[in-house]
Amino acid sequence: MIRVLHKNSLARSLWGRNSCSKLFVGGLSYDTNETVLKNAFEKYGEIIEVRVIAHHVSGKSRGYGFVRFTSDSSAKVAFKEMHSKVLDGRNIRVEFACKNS
Protein backbone atom coordinates (compact mmCIF):
# COMPACT_ATOMS: atom_id res chain seq x y z
CA MET A 1 0.00 0.00 0.00
CA ILE A 2 1.28 3.47 -0.87
CA ARG A 3 0.49 6.52 1.18
CA VAL A 4 1.07 10.09 0.19
CA LEU A 5 2.35 12.33 2.95
CA HIS A 6 0.39 15.56 2.79
CA LYS A 7 2.20 18.84 3.26
CA ASN A 8 1.67 20.03 6.82
CA SER A 9 4.91 21.94 6.60
CA LEU A 10 8.05 21.64 4.54
CA ALA A 11 10.17 20.79 7.57
CA ARG A 12 7.81 18.06 8.73
CA SER A 13 7.64 16.57 5.24
CA LEU A 14 11.41 16.48 4.97
CA TRP A 15 12.47 15.40 8.44
CA GLY A 16 9.45 13.88 10.19
CA ARG A 17 9.23 10.76 8.09
CA ASN A 18 10.90 7.44 7.42
CA SER A 19 13.41 7.35 4.62
CA CYS A 20 11.77 7.57 1.22
CA SER A 21 13.12 7.93 -2.29
CA LYS A 22 9.79 7.86 -4.14
CA LEU A 23 7.86 11.01 -5.01
CA PHE A 24 4.22 11.46 -6.00
CA VAL A 25 3.76 14.15 -8.66
CA GLY A 26 0.21 15.48 -9.06
CA GLY A 27 -1.38 18.13 -11.20
CA LEU A 28 0.35 16.96 -14.36
CA SER A 29 -0.89 18.08 -17.74
CA TYR A 30 -2.70 15.26 -19.53
CA ASP A 31 -0.06 15.68 -22.25
CA THR A 32 2.88 15.08 -19.87
CA ASN A 33 4.50 11.72 -20.54
CA GLU A 34 7.20 9.75 -18.73
CA THR A 35 10.01 11.24 -20.82
CA VAL A 36 8.98 14.80 -19.94
CA LEU A 37 8.63 13.89 -16.25
CA LYS A 38 12.03 12.19 -16.19
CA ASN A 39 13.71 15.12 -17.93
CA ALA A 40 12.26 17.54 -15.37
CA PHE A 41 13.48 15.53 -12.35
CA GLU A 42 16.76 13.90 -13.45
CA LYS A 43 18.86 16.98 -12.70
CA TYR A 44 18.29 16.28 -8.97
CA GLY A 45 19.76 12.78 -8.97
CA GLU A 46 19.81 9.34 -10.54
CA ILE A 47 16.31 8.03 -11.24
CA ILE A 48 15.33 4.37 -10.96
CA GLU A 49 11.78 4.60 -12.27
CA VAL A 50 9.29 7.10 -13.69
CA ARG A 51 5.61 6.31 -14.16
CA VAL A 52 2.75 8.45 -15.41
CA ILE A 53 -0.49 6.75 -14.43
CA ALA A 54 -2.92 6.23 -17.31
CA HIS A 55 -6.53 5.07 -17.55
CA HIS A 56 -6.52 1.31 -18.21
CA VAL A 57 -9.00 1.49 -21.11
CA SER A 58 -8.38 4.83 -22.84
CA GLY A 59 -4.65 5.01 -22.13
CA LYS A 60 -4.97 8.74 -21.32
CA SER A 61 -3.01 10.18 -18.44
CA ARG A 62 -4.83 10.56 -15.13
CA GLY A 63 -2.76 13.66 -14.32
CA TYR A 64 -0.35 12.15 -11.80
CA GLY A 65 2.71 9.97 -11.62
CA PHE A 66 5.66 8.78 -9.56
CA VAL A 67 9.42 9.32 -9.66
CA ARG A 68 11.77 7.01 -7.73
CA PHE A 69 15.35 8.08 -7.06
CA THR A 70 18.34 5.95 -6.08
CA SER A 71 18.71 7.95 -2.86
CA ASP A 72 16.57 9.68 -0.26
CA SER A 73 18.76 12.77 -0.48
CA SER A 74 18.05 13.17 -4.20
CA ALA A 75 14.32 12.83 -3.53
CA LYS A 76 14.54 15.52 -0.82
CA VAL A 77 16.26 17.95 -3.17
CA ALA A 78 13.78 17.22 -5.98
CA PHE A 79 10.87 17.74 -3.57
CA LYS A 80 12.22 21.11 -2.43
CA GLU A 81 13.01 22.29 -5.95
CA MET A 82 9.98 21.00 -7.88
CA HIS A 83 7.02 21.36 -5.49
CA SER A 84 4.62 24.03 -6.84
CA LYS A 85 6.70 24.58 -9.98
CA VAL A 86 5.27 24.78 -13.50
CA LEU A 87 5.68 21.75 -15.77
CA ASP A 88 4.03 21.65 -19.20
CA GLY A 89 2.01 24.73 -18.29
CA ARG A 90 0.61 23.33 -15.02
CA ASN A 91 1.56 23.92 -11.38
CA ILE A 92 2.57 20.51 -10.09
CA ARG A 93 2.31 19.17 -6.55
CA VAL A 94 5.15 16.98 -5.26
CA GLU A 95 4.84 14.82 -2.14
CA PHE A 96 6.72 11.87 -0.67
CA ALA A 97 5.11 8.52 -1.47
CA CYS A 98 6.18 5.85 1.00
CA LYS A 99 5.02 2.36 1.85
CA ASN A 100 3.35 1.89 5.22
CA SER A 101 5.58 0.23 7.77
PDB file of N, CA and C in Angstrom:
ATOM      1  N   MET A   1       0.842  -1.176   0.000  1.00  0.00           N
ATOM      2  CA  MET A   1       0.000   0.000   0.000  1.00  0.00           C
ATOM      3  C   MET A   1       0.883   1.234   0.000  1.00  0.00           C
ATOM      4  N   ILE A   2       0.516   2.221  -0.793  1.00  0.00           N
ATOM      5  CA  ILE A   2       1.276   3.466  -0.872  1.00  0.00           C
ATOM      6  C   ILE A   2       0.471   4.560  -0.205  1.00  0.00           C
ATOM      7  N   ARG A   3       1.157   5.364   0.594  1.00  0.00           N
ATOM      8  CA  ARG A   3       0.486   6.515   1.183  1.00  0.00           C
ATOM      9  C   ARG A   3       1.216   7.762   0.742  1.00  0.00           C
ATOM     10  N   VAL A   4       0.474   8.804   0.571  1.00  0.00           N
ATOM     11  CA  VAL A   4       1.067  10.089   0.194  1.00  0.00           C
ATOM     12  C   VAL A   4       1.066  10.959   1.431  1.00  0.00           C
ATOM     13  N   LEU A   5       2.237  11.454   1.793  1.00  0.00           N
ATOM     14  CA  LEU A   5       2.351  12.328   2.948  1.00  0.00           C
ATOM     15  C   LEU A   5       1.937  13.736   2.538  1.00  0.00           C
ATOM     16  N   HIS A   6       0.881  14.231   3.138  1.00  0.00           N
ATOM     17  CA  HIS A   6       0.387  15.557   2.785  1.00  0.00           C
ATOM     18  C   HIS A   6       1.255  16.624   3.431  1.00  0.00           C
ATOM     19  N   LYS A   7       1.321  17.777   2.796  1.00  0.00           N
ATOM     20  CA  LYS A   7       2.204  18.839   3.258  1.00  0.00           C
ATOM     21  C   LYS A   7       1.605  19.588   4.438  1.00  0.00           C
ATOM     22  N   ASN A   8       2.026  19.237   5.646  1.00  0.00           N
ATOM     23  CA  ASN A   8       1.675  20.029   6.822  1.00  0.00           C
ATOM     24  C   ASN A   8       2.637  21.193   6.923  1.00  0.00           C
ATOM     25  N   SER A   9       3.880  20.908   6.692  1.00  0.00           N
ATOM     26  CA  SER A   9       4.912  21.944   6.595  1.00  0.00           C
ATOM     27  C   SER A   9       6.098  21.327   5.884  1.00  0.00           C
ATOM     28  N   LEU A  10       6.883  22.140   5.265  1.00  0.00           N
ATOM     29  CA  LEU A  10       8.050  21.640   4.538  1.00  0.00           C
ATOM     30  C   LEU A  10       8.989  20.886   5.476  1.00  0.00           C
ATOM     31  N   ALA A  11       9.252  21.439   6.632  1.00  0.00           N
ATOM     32  CA  ALA A  11      10.175  20.789   7.567  1.00  0.00           C
ATOM     33  C   ALA A  11       9.658  19.426   8.004  1.00  0.00           C
ATOM     34  N   ARG A  12       8.377  19.336   8.309  1.00  0.00           N
ATOM     35  CA  ARG A  12       7.809  18.058   8.733  1.00  0.00           C
ATOM     36  C   ARG A  12       7.861  17.040   7.610  1.00  0.00           C
ATOM     37  N   SER A  13       7.579  17.473   6.379  1.00  0.00           N
ATOM     38  CA  SER A  13       7.636  16.566   5.241  1.00  0.00           C
ATOM     39  C   SER A  13       9.039  16.033   5.018  1.00  0.00           C
ATOM     40  N   LEU A  14      10.030  16.891   5.228  1.00  0.00           N
ATOM     41  CA  LEU A  14      11.407  16.482   4.967  1.00  0.00           C
ATOM     42  C   LEU A  14      12.000  15.653   6.095  1.00  0.00           C
ATOM     43  N   TRP A  15      11.742  16.021   7.332  1.00  0.00           N
ATOM     44  CA  TRP A  15      12.466  15.398   8.439  1.00  0.00           C
ATOM     45  C   TRP A  15      11.600  14.507   9.308  1.00  0.00           C
ATOM     46  N   GLY A  16      10.308  14.674   9.326  1.00  0.00           N
ATOM     47  CA  GLY A  16       9.450  13.884  10.193  1.00  0.00           C
ATOM     48  C   GLY A  16       8.873  12.669   9.502  1.00  0.00           C
ATOM     49  N   ARG A  17       9.711  11.915   8.828  1.00  0.00           N
ATOM     50  CA  ARG A  17       9.229  10.764   8.087  1.00  0.00           C
ATOM     51  C   ARG A  17      10.308   9.699   8.041  1.00  0.00           C
ATOM     52  N   ASN A  18       9.919   8.483   7.679  1.00  0.00           N
ATOM     53  CA  ASN A  18      10.898   7.436   7.425  1.00  0.00           C
ATOM     54  C   ASN A  18      11.588   7.757   6.111  1.00  0.00           C
ATOM     55  N   SER A  19      12.703   7.099   5.870  1.00  0.00           N
ATOM     56  CA  SER A  19      13.407   7.352   4.618  1.00  0.00           C
ATOM     57  C   SER A  19      12.521   6.980   3.437  1.00  0.00           C
ATOM     58  N   CYS A  20      12.629   7.773   2.379  1.00  0.00           N
ATOM     59  CA  CYS A  20      11.767   7.567   1.224  1.00  0.00           C
ATOM     60  C   CYS A  20      12.419   8.193  -0.003  1.00  0.00           C
ATOM     61  N   SER A  21      12.513   7.413  -1.066  1.00  0.00           N
ATOM     62  CA  SER A  21      13.122   7.931  -2.294  1.00  0.00           C
ATOM     63  C   SER A  21      12.109   8.021  -3.436  1.00  0.00           C
ATOM     64  N   LYS A  22      10.835   7.818  -3.117  1.00  0.00           N
ATOM     65  CA  LYS A  22       9.790   7.855  -4.137  1.00  0.00           C
ATOM     66  C   LYS A  22       8.915   9.084  -3.944  1.00  0.00           C
ATOM     67  N   LEU A  23       8.673   9.801  -5.047  1.00  0.00           N
ATOM     68  CA  LEU A  23       7.855  11.010  -5.011  1.00  0.00           C
ATOM     69  C   LEU A  23       6.576  10.820  -5.818  1.00  0.00           C
ATOM     70  N   PHE A  24       5.486  11.337  -5.289  1.00  0.00           N
ATOM     71  CA  PHE A  24       4.221  11.460  -6.002  1.00  0.00           C
ATOM     72  C   PHE A  24       4.232  12.825  -6.680  1.00  0.00           C
ATOM     73  N   VAL A  25       3.831  12.877  -7.938  1.00  0.00           N
ATOM     74  CA  VAL A  25       3.758  14.147  -8.661  1.00  0.00           C
ATOM     75  C   VAL A  25       2.332  14.293  -9.191  1.00  0.00           C
ATOM     76  N   GLY A  26       1.591  15.253  -8.658  1.00  0.00           N
ATOM     77  CA  GLY A  26       0.210  15.476  -9.057  1.00  0.00           C
ATOM     78  C   GLY A  26       0.050  16.773  -9.817  1.00  0.00           C
ATOM     79  N   GLY A  27      -1.093  16.921 -10.448  1.00  0.00           N
ATOM     80  CA  GLY A  27      -1.382  18.134 -11.199  1.00  0.00           C
ATOM     81  C   GLY A  27      -0.720  18.174 -12.558  1.00  0.00           C
ATOM     82  N   LEU A  28      -0.312  17.008 -13.061  1.00  0.00           N
ATOM     83  CA  LEU A  28       0.347  16.963 -14.362  1.00  0.00           C
ATOM     84  C   LEU A  28      -0.631  17.285 -15.486  1.00  0.00           C
ATOM     85  N   SER A  29      -0.119  17.896 -16.520  1.00  0.00           N
ATOM     86  CA  SER A  29      -0.892  18.080 -17.741  1.00  0.00           C
ATOM     87  C   SER A  29      -1.215  16.696 -18.300  1.00  0.00           C
ATOM     88  N   TYR A  30      -2.349  16.554 -18.935  1.00  0.00           N
ATOM     89  CA  TYR A  30      -2.703  15.258 -19.527  1.00  0.00           C
ATOM     90  C   TYR A  30      -1.790  14.929 -20.711  1.00  0.00           C
ATOM     91  N   ASP A  31      -1.015  15.898 -21.162  1.00  0.00           N
ATOM     92  CA  ASP A  31      -0.062  15.675 -22.246  1.00  0.00           C
ATOM     93  C   ASP A  31       1.336  15.301 -21.740  1.00  0.00           C
ATOM     94  N   THR A  32       1.567  15.410 -20.427  1.00  0.00           N
ATOM     95  CA  THR A  32       2.884  15.085 -19.873  1.00  0.00           C
ATOM     96  C   THR A  32       3.085  13.571 -19.904  1.00  0.00           C
ATOM     97  N   ASN A  33       4.200  13.154 -20.496  1.00  0.00           N
ATOM     98  CA  ASN A  33       4.500  11.723 -20.541  1.00  0.00           C
ATOM     99  C   ASN A  33       5.704  11.424 -19.648  1.00  0.00           C
ATOM    100  N   GLU A  34       6.120  10.156 -19.611  1.00  0.00           N
ATOM    101  CA  GLU A  34       7.204   9.745 -18.727  1.00  0.00           C
ATOM    102  C   GLU A  34       8.538  10.381 -19.105  1.00  0.00           C
ATOM    103  N   THR A  35       8.766  10.602 -20.378  1.00  0.00           N
ATOM    104  CA  THR A  35      10.015  11.239 -20.817  1.00  0.00           C
ATOM    105  C   THR A  35      10.104  12.670 -20.294  1.00  0.00           C
ATOM    106  N   VAL A  36       9.018  13.417 -20.421  1.00  0.00           N
ATOM    107  CA  VAL A  36       8.977  14.804 -19.937  1.00  0.00           C
ATOM    108  C   VAL A  36       9.185  14.845 -18.423  1.00  0.00           C
ATOM    109  N   LEU A  37       8.510  13.939 -17.704  1.00  0.00           N
ATOM    110  CA  LEU A  37       8.626  13.892 -16.250  1.00  0.00           C
ATOM    111  C   LEU A  37      10.059  13.544 -15.838  1.00  0.00           C
ATOM    112  N   LYS A  38      10.651  12.575 -16.491  1.00  0.00           N
ATOM    113  CA  LYS A  38      12.035  12.187 -16.187  1.00  0.00           C
ATOM    114  C   LYS A  38      12.987  13.343 -16.454  1.00  0.00           C
ATOM    115  N   ASN A  39      12.825  13.998 -17.591  1.00  0.00           N
ATOM    116  CA  ASN A  39      13.710  15.124 -17.932  1.00  0.00           C
ATOM    117  C   ASN A  39      13.622  16.249 -16.905  1.00  0.00           C
ATOM    118  N   ALA A  40      12.446  16.463 -16.346  1.00  0.00           N
ATOM    119  CA  ALA A  40      12.260  17.536 -15.370  1.00  0.00           C
ATOM    120  C   ALA A  40      12.921  17.212 -14.030  1.00  0.00           C
ATOM    121  N   PHE A  41      12.997  15.928 -13.671  1.00  0.00           N
ATOM    122  CA  PHE A  41      13.485  15.531 -12.351  1.00  0.00           C
ATOM    123  C   PHE A  41      14.915  15.004 -12.340  1.00  0.00           C
ATOM    124  N   GLU A  42      15.461  14.591 -13.462  1.00  0.00           N
ATOM    125  CA  GLU A  42      16.755  13.903 -13.449  1.00  0.00           C
ATOM    126  C   GLU A  42      17.929  14.792 -13.053  1.00  0.00           C
ATOM    127  N   LYS A  43      17.763  16.097 -13.117  1.00  0.00           N
ATOM    128  CA  LYS A  43      18.862  16.975 -12.703  1.00  0.00           C
ATOM    129  C   LYS A  43      19.091  16.946 -11.191  1.00  0.00           C
ATOM    130  N   TYR A  44      18.174  16.332 -10.430  1.00  0.00           N
ATOM    131  CA  TYR A  44      18.295  16.278  -8.968  1.00  0.00           C
ATOM    132  C   TYR A  44      18.897  14.968  -8.478  1.00  0.00           C
ATOM    133  N   GLY A  45      19.146  14.030  -9.369  1.00  0.00           N
ATOM    134  CA  GLY A  45      19.762  12.777  -8.966  1.00  0.00           C
ATOM    135  C   GLY A  45      19.407  11.652  -9.915  1.00  0.00           C
ATOM    136  N   GLU A  46      20.044  10.506  -9.693  1.00  0.00           N
ATOM    137  CA  GLU A  46      19.807   9.340 -10.541  1.00  0.00           C
ATOM    138  C   GLU A  46      18.416   8.767 -10.271  1.00  0.00           C
ATOM    139  N   ILE A  47      17.680   8.520 -11.344  1.00  0.00           N
ATOM    140  CA  ILE A  47      16.306   8.031 -11.241  1.00  0.00           C
ATOM    141  C   ILE A  47      16.265   6.540 -11.560  1.00  0.00           C
ATOM    142  N   ILE A  48      15.521   5.809 -10.748  1.00  0.00           N
ATOM    143  CA  ILE A  48      15.329   4.372 -10.963  1.00  0.00           C
ATOM    144  C   ILE A  48      14.114   4.128 -11.851  1.00  0.00           C
ATOM    145  N   GLU A  49      13.038   4.868 -11.584  1.00  0.00           N
ATOM    146  CA  GLU A  49      11.776   4.603 -12.271  1.00  0.00           C
ATOM    147  C   GLU A  49      10.940   5.871 -12.367  1.00  0.00           C
ATOM    148  N   VAL A  50      10.254   6.015 -13.486  1.00  0.00           N
ATOM    149  CA  VAL A  50       9.293   7.103 -13.687  1.00  0.00           C
ATOM    150  C   VAL A  50       8.029   6.475 -14.250  1.00  0.00           C
ATOM    151  N   ARG A  51       6.881   6.819 -13.651  1.00  0.00           N
ATOM    152  CA  ARG A  51       5.607   6.309 -14.158  1.00  0.00           C
ATOM    153  C   ARG A  51       4.575   7.417 -14.178  1.00  0.00           C
ATOM    154  N   VAL A  52       3.925   7.593 -15.312  1.00  0.00           N
ATOM    155  CA  VAL A  52       2.746   8.452 -15.407  1.00  0.00           C
ATOM    156  C   VAL A  52       1.565   7.493 -15.459  1.00  0.00           C
ATOM    157  N   ILE A  53       0.637   7.662 -14.539  1.00  0.00           N
ATOM    158  CA  ILE A  53      -0.490   6.746 -14.431  1.00  0.00           C
ATOM    159  C   ILE A  53      -1.536   7.090 -15.485  1.00  0.00           C
ATOM    160  N   ALA A  54      -1.953   6.055 -16.225  1.00  0.00           N
ATOM    161  CA  ALA A  54      -2.918   6.228 -17.314  1.00  0.00           C
ATOM    162  C   ALA A  54      -4.157   5.387 -17.055  1.00  0.00           C
ATOM    163  N   HIS A  55      -5.284   5.821 -17.628  1.00  0.00           N
ATOM    164  CA  HIS A  55      -6.535   5.065 -17.554  1.00  0.00           C
ATOM    165  C   HIS A  55      -6.330   3.738 -18.270  1.00  0.00           C
ATOM    166  N   HIS A  56      -6.794   2.647 -17.665  1.00  0.00           N
ATOM    167  CA  HIS A  56      -6.523   1.315 -18.207  1.00  0.00           C
ATOM    168  C   HIS A  56      -7.218   1.029 -19.535  1.00  0.00           C
ATOM    169  N   VAL A  57      -8.284   1.730 -19.850  1.00  0.00           N
ATOM    170  CA  VAL A  57      -8.997   1.494 -21.109  1.00  0.00           C
ATOM    171  C   VAL A  57      -8.573   2.511 -22.180  1.00  0.00           C
ATOM    172  N   SER A  58      -8.654   3.793 -21.838  1.00  0.00           N
ATOM    173  CA  SER A  58      -8.376   4.834 -22.838  1.00  0.00           C
ATOM    174  C   SER A  58      -6.881   5.076 -23.043  1.00  0.00           C
ATOM    175  N   GLY A  59      -6.075   4.760 -22.038  1.00  0.00           N
ATOM    176  CA  GLY A  59      -4.648   5.014 -22.131  1.00  0.00           C
ATOM    177  C   GLY A  59      -4.271   6.465 -21.882  1.00  0.00           C
ATOM    178  N   LYS A  60      -5.249   7.318 -21.583  1.00  0.00           N
ATOM    179  CA  LYS A  60      -4.966   8.735 -21.320  1.00  0.00           C
ATOM    180  C   LYS A  60      -4.463   8.925 -19.898  1.00  0.00           C
ATOM    181  N   SER A  61      -3.574   9.881 -19.745  1.00  0.00           N
ATOM    182  CA  SER A  61      -3.011  10.185 -18.437  1.00  0.00           C
ATOM    183  C   SER A  61      -4.109  10.572 -17.452  1.00  0.00           C
ATOM    184  N   ARG A  62      -3.910  10.170 -16.211  1.00  0.00           N
ATOM    185  CA  ARG A  62      -4.829  10.563 -15.135  1.00  0.00           C
ATOM    186  C   ARG A  62      -4.356  11.830 -14.429  1.00  0.00           C
ATOM    187  N   GLY A  63      -3.233  12.390 -14.871  1.00  0.00           N
ATOM    188  CA  GLY A  63      -2.757  13.658 -14.318  1.00  0.00           C
ATOM    189  C   GLY A  63      -1.828  13.525 -13.126  1.00  0.00           C
ATOM    190  N   TYR A  64      -1.317  12.314 -12.882  1.00  0.00           N
ATOM    191  CA  TYR A  64      -0.348  12.152 -11.802  1.00  0.00           C
ATOM    192  C   TYR A  64       0.624  11.025 -12.131  1.00  0.00           C
ATOM    193  N   GLY A  65       1.712  10.996 -11.389  1.00  0.00           N
ATOM    194  CA  GLY A  65       2.713   9.966 -11.622  1.00  0.00           C
ATOM    195  C   GLY A  65       3.652   9.850 -10.444  1.00  0.00           C
ATOM    196  N   PHE A  66       4.698   9.048 -10.612  1.00  0.00           N
ATOM    197  CA  PHE A  66       5.662   8.782  -9.558  1.00  0.00           C
ATOM    198  C   PHE A  66       7.070   8.828 -10.126  1.00  0.00           C
ATOM    199  N   VAL A  67       7.997   9.309  -9.309  1.00  0.00           N
ATOM    200  CA  VAL A  67       9.418   9.323  -9.658  1.00  0.00           C
ATOM    201  C   VAL A  67      10.168   8.688  -8.493  1.00  0.00           C
ATOM    202  N   ARG A  68      10.970   7.661  -8.783  1.00  0.00           N
ATOM    203  CA  ARG A  68      11.765   7.007  -7.733  1.00  0.00           C
ATOM    204  C   ARG A  68      13.249   7.259  -7.999  1.00  0.00           C
ATOM    205  N   PHE A  69      13.929   7.794  -6.987  1.00  0.00           N
ATOM    206  CA  PHE A  69      15.352   8.082  -7.063  1.00  0.00           C
ATOM    207  C   PHE A  69      16.159   6.957  -6.421  1.00  0.00           C
ATOM    208  N   THR A  70      17.460   6.943  -6.696  1.00  0.00           N
ATOM    209  CA  THR A  70      18.338   5.955  -6.076  1.00  0.00           C
ATOM    210  C   THR A  70      18.627   6.300  -4.625  1.00  0.00           C
ATOM    211  N   SER A  71      18.424   7.556  -4.239  1.00  0.00           N
ATOM    212  CA  SER A  71      18.715   7.951  -2.857  1.00  0.00           C
ATOM    213  C   SER A  71      17.635   8.865  -2.293  1.00  0.00           C
ATOM    214  N   ASP A  72      17.507   8.797  -0.973  1.00  0.00           N
ATOM    215  CA  ASP A  72      16.575   9.677  -0.264  1.00  0.00           C
ATOM    216  C   ASP A  72      16.984  11.138  -0.409  1.00  0.00           C
ATOM    217  N   SER A  73      18.290  11.381  -0.404  1.00  0.00           N
ATOM    218  CA  SER A  73      18.762  12.771  -0.477  1.00  0.00           C
ATOM    219  C   SER A  73      18.397  13.412  -1.814  1.00  0.00           C
ATOM    220  N   SER A  74      18.460  12.643  -2.891  1.00  0.00           N
ATOM    221  CA  SER A  74      18.049  13.169  -4.205  1.00  0.00           C
ATOM    222  C   SER A  74      16.562  13.486  -4.215  1.00  0.00           C
ATOM    223  N   ALA A  75      15.768  12.606  -3.604  1.00  0.00           N
ATOM    224  CA  ALA A  75      14.318  12.832  -3.531  1.00  0.00           C
ATOM    225  C   ALA A  75      14.007  14.089  -2.721  1.00  0.00           C
ATOM    226  N   LYS A  76      14.748  14.316  -1.635  1.00  0.00           N
ATOM    227  CA  LYS A  76      14.537  15.520  -0.820  1.00  0.00           C
ATOM    228  C   LYS A  76      14.799  16.783  -1.625  1.00  0.00           C
ATOM    229  N   VAL A  77      15.901  16.774  -2.366  1.00  0.00           N
ATOM    230  CA  VAL A  77      16.256  17.949  -3.172  1.00  0.00           C
ATOM    231  C   VAL A  77      15.210  18.170  -4.257  1.00  0.00           C
ATOM    232  N   ALA A  78      14.797  17.103  -4.931  1.00  0.00           N
ATOM    233  CA  ALA A  78      13.778  17.221  -5.980  1.00  0.00           C
ATOM    234  C   ALA A  78      12.468  17.742  -5.407  1.00  0.00           C
ATOM    235  N   PHE A  79      12.093  17.263  -4.224  1.00  0.00           N
ATOM    236  CA  PHE A  79      10.873  17.738  -3.569  1.00  0.00           C
ATOM    237  C   PHE A  79      10.961  19.244  -3.336  1.00  0.00           C
ATOM    238  N   LYS A  80      12.061  19.695  -2.744  1.00  0.00           N
ATOM    239  CA  LYS A  80      12.221  21.112  -2.426  1.00  0.00           C
ATOM    240  C   LYS A  80      12.239  21.982  -3.678  1.00  0.00           C
ATOM    241  N   GLU A  81      12.854  21.496  -4.731  1.00  0.00           N
ATOM    242  CA  GLU A  81      13.012  22.295  -5.947  1.00  0.00           C
ATOM    243  C   GLU A  81      11.796  22.255  -6.876  1.00  0.00           C
ATOM    244  N   MET A  82      11.055  21.171  -6.879  1.00  0.00           N
ATOM    245  CA  MET A  82       9.985  21.005  -7.877  1.00  0.00           C
ATOM    246  C   MET A  82       8.575  21.235  -7.344  1.00  0.00           C
ATOM    247  N   HIS A  83       8.373  21.174  -6.026  1.00  0.00           N
ATOM    248  CA  HIS A  83       7.020  21.362  -5.491  1.00  0.00           C
ATOM    249  C   HIS A  83       6.497  22.750  -5.862  1.00  0.00           C
ATOM    250  N   SER A  84       5.312  22.795  -6.424  1.00  0.00           N
ATOM    251  CA  SER A  84       4.620  24.030  -6.839  1.00  0.00           C
ATOM    252  C   SER A  84       5.254  24.714  -8.045  1.00  0.00           C
ATOM    253  N   LYS A  85       6.112  24.016  -8.762  1.00  0.00           N
ATOM    254  CA  LYS A  85       6.705  24.576  -9.982  1.00  0.00           C
ATOM    255  C   LYS A  85       5.792  24.290 -11.176  1.00  0.00           C
ATOM    256  N   VAL A  86       6.057  24.970 -12.283  1.00  0.00           N
ATOM    257  CA  VAL A  86       5.273  24.781 -13.505  1.00  0.00           C
ATOM    258  C   VAL A  86       5.970  23.751 -14.390  1.00  0.00           C
ATOM    259  N   LEU A  87       5.202  22.760 -14.836  1.00  0.00           N
ATOM    260  CA  LEU A  87       5.684  21.748 -15.770  1.00  0.00           C
ATOM    261  C   LEU A  87       4.613  21.573 -16.841  1.00  0.00           C
ATOM    262  N   ASP A  88       4.979  21.730 -18.075  1.00  0.00           N
ATOM    263  CA  ASP A  88       4.030  21.647 -19.196  1.00  0.00           C
ATOM    264  C   ASP A  88       2.818  22.564 -18.999  1.00  0.00           C
ATOM    265  N   GLY A  89       3.078  23.751 -18.450  1.00  0.00           N
ATOM    266  CA  GLY A  89       2.012  24.733 -18.292  1.00  0.00           C
ATOM    267  C   GLY A  89       1.112  24.544 -17.090  1.00  0.00           C
ATOM    268  N   ARG A  90       1.438  23.596 -16.204  1.00  0.00           N
ATOM    269  CA  ARG A  90       0.611  23.333 -15.016  1.00  0.00           C
ATOM    270  C   ARG A  90       1.461  23.416 -13.753  1.00  0.00           C
ATOM    271  N   ASN A  91       0.886  23.945 -12.676  1.00  0.00           N
ATOM    272  CA  ASN A  91       1.557  23.916 -11.380  1.00  0.00           C
ATOM    273  C   ASN A  91       1.451  22.498 -10.836  1.00  0.00           C
ATOM    274  N   ILE A  92       2.596  21.886 -10.580  1.00  0.00           N
ATOM    275  CA  ILE A  92       2.573  20.511 -10.085  1.00  0.00           C
ATOM    276  C   ILE A  92       2.693  20.483  -8.567  1.00  0.00           C
ATOM    277  N   ARG A  93       2.234  19.399  -7.988  1.00  0.00           N
ATOM    278  CA  ARG A  93       2.315  19.165  -6.547  1.00  0.00           C
ATOM    279  C   ARG A  93       3.207  17.945  -6.344  1.00  0.00           C
ATOM    280  N   VAL A  94       4.222  18.086  -5.515  1.00  0.00           N
ATOM    281  CA  VAL A  94       5.151  16.980  -5.259  1.00  0.00           C
ATOM    282  C   VAL A  94       5.054  16.613  -3.783  1.00  0.00           C
ATOM    283  N   GLU A  95       4.920  15.336  -3.512  1.00  0.00           N
ATOM    284  CA  GLU A  95       4.843  14.816  -2.136  1.00  0.00           C
ATOM    285  C   GLU A  95       5.666  13.542  -2.060  1.00  0.00           C
ATOM    286  N   PHE A  96       6.053  13.155  -0.845  1.00  0.00           N
ATOM    287  CA  PHE A  96       6.725  11.872  -0.668  1.00  0.00           C
ATOM    288  C   PHE A  96       5.689  10.762  -0.701  1.00  0.00           C
ATOM    289  N   ALA A  97       6.005   9.679  -1.383  1.00  0.00           N
ATOM    290  CA  ALA A  97       5.114   8.516  -1.474  1.00  0.00           C
ATOM    291  C   ALA A  97       5.876   7.323  -0.889  1.00  0.00           C
ATOM    292  N   CYS A  98       5.462   6.903   0.309  1.00  0.00           N
ATOM    293  CA  CYS A  98       6.183   5.849   1.005  1.00  0.00           C
ATOM    294  C   CYS A  98       5.248   4.709   1.378  1.00  0.00           C
ATOM    295  N   LYS A  99       5.800   3.517   1.406  1.00  0.00           N
ATOM    296  CA  LYS A  99       5.019   2.364   1.847  1.00  0.00           C
ATOM    297  C   LYS A  99       4.801   2.435   3.333  1.00  0.00           C
ATOM    298  N   ASN A 100       3.620   1.964   3.774  1.00  0.00           N
ATOM    299  CA  ASN A 100       3.351   1.891   5.223  1.00  0.00           C
ATOM    300  C   ASN A 100       4.269   0.872   5.861  1.00  0.00           C
ATOM    301  N   SER A 101       4.703   1.157   7.052  1.00  0.00           N
ATOM    302  CA  SER A 101       5.577   0.225   7.770  1.00  0.00           C
ATOM    303  C   SER A 101       4.762  -0.810   8.488  1.00  0.00           C
TER     304      SER A 101
END
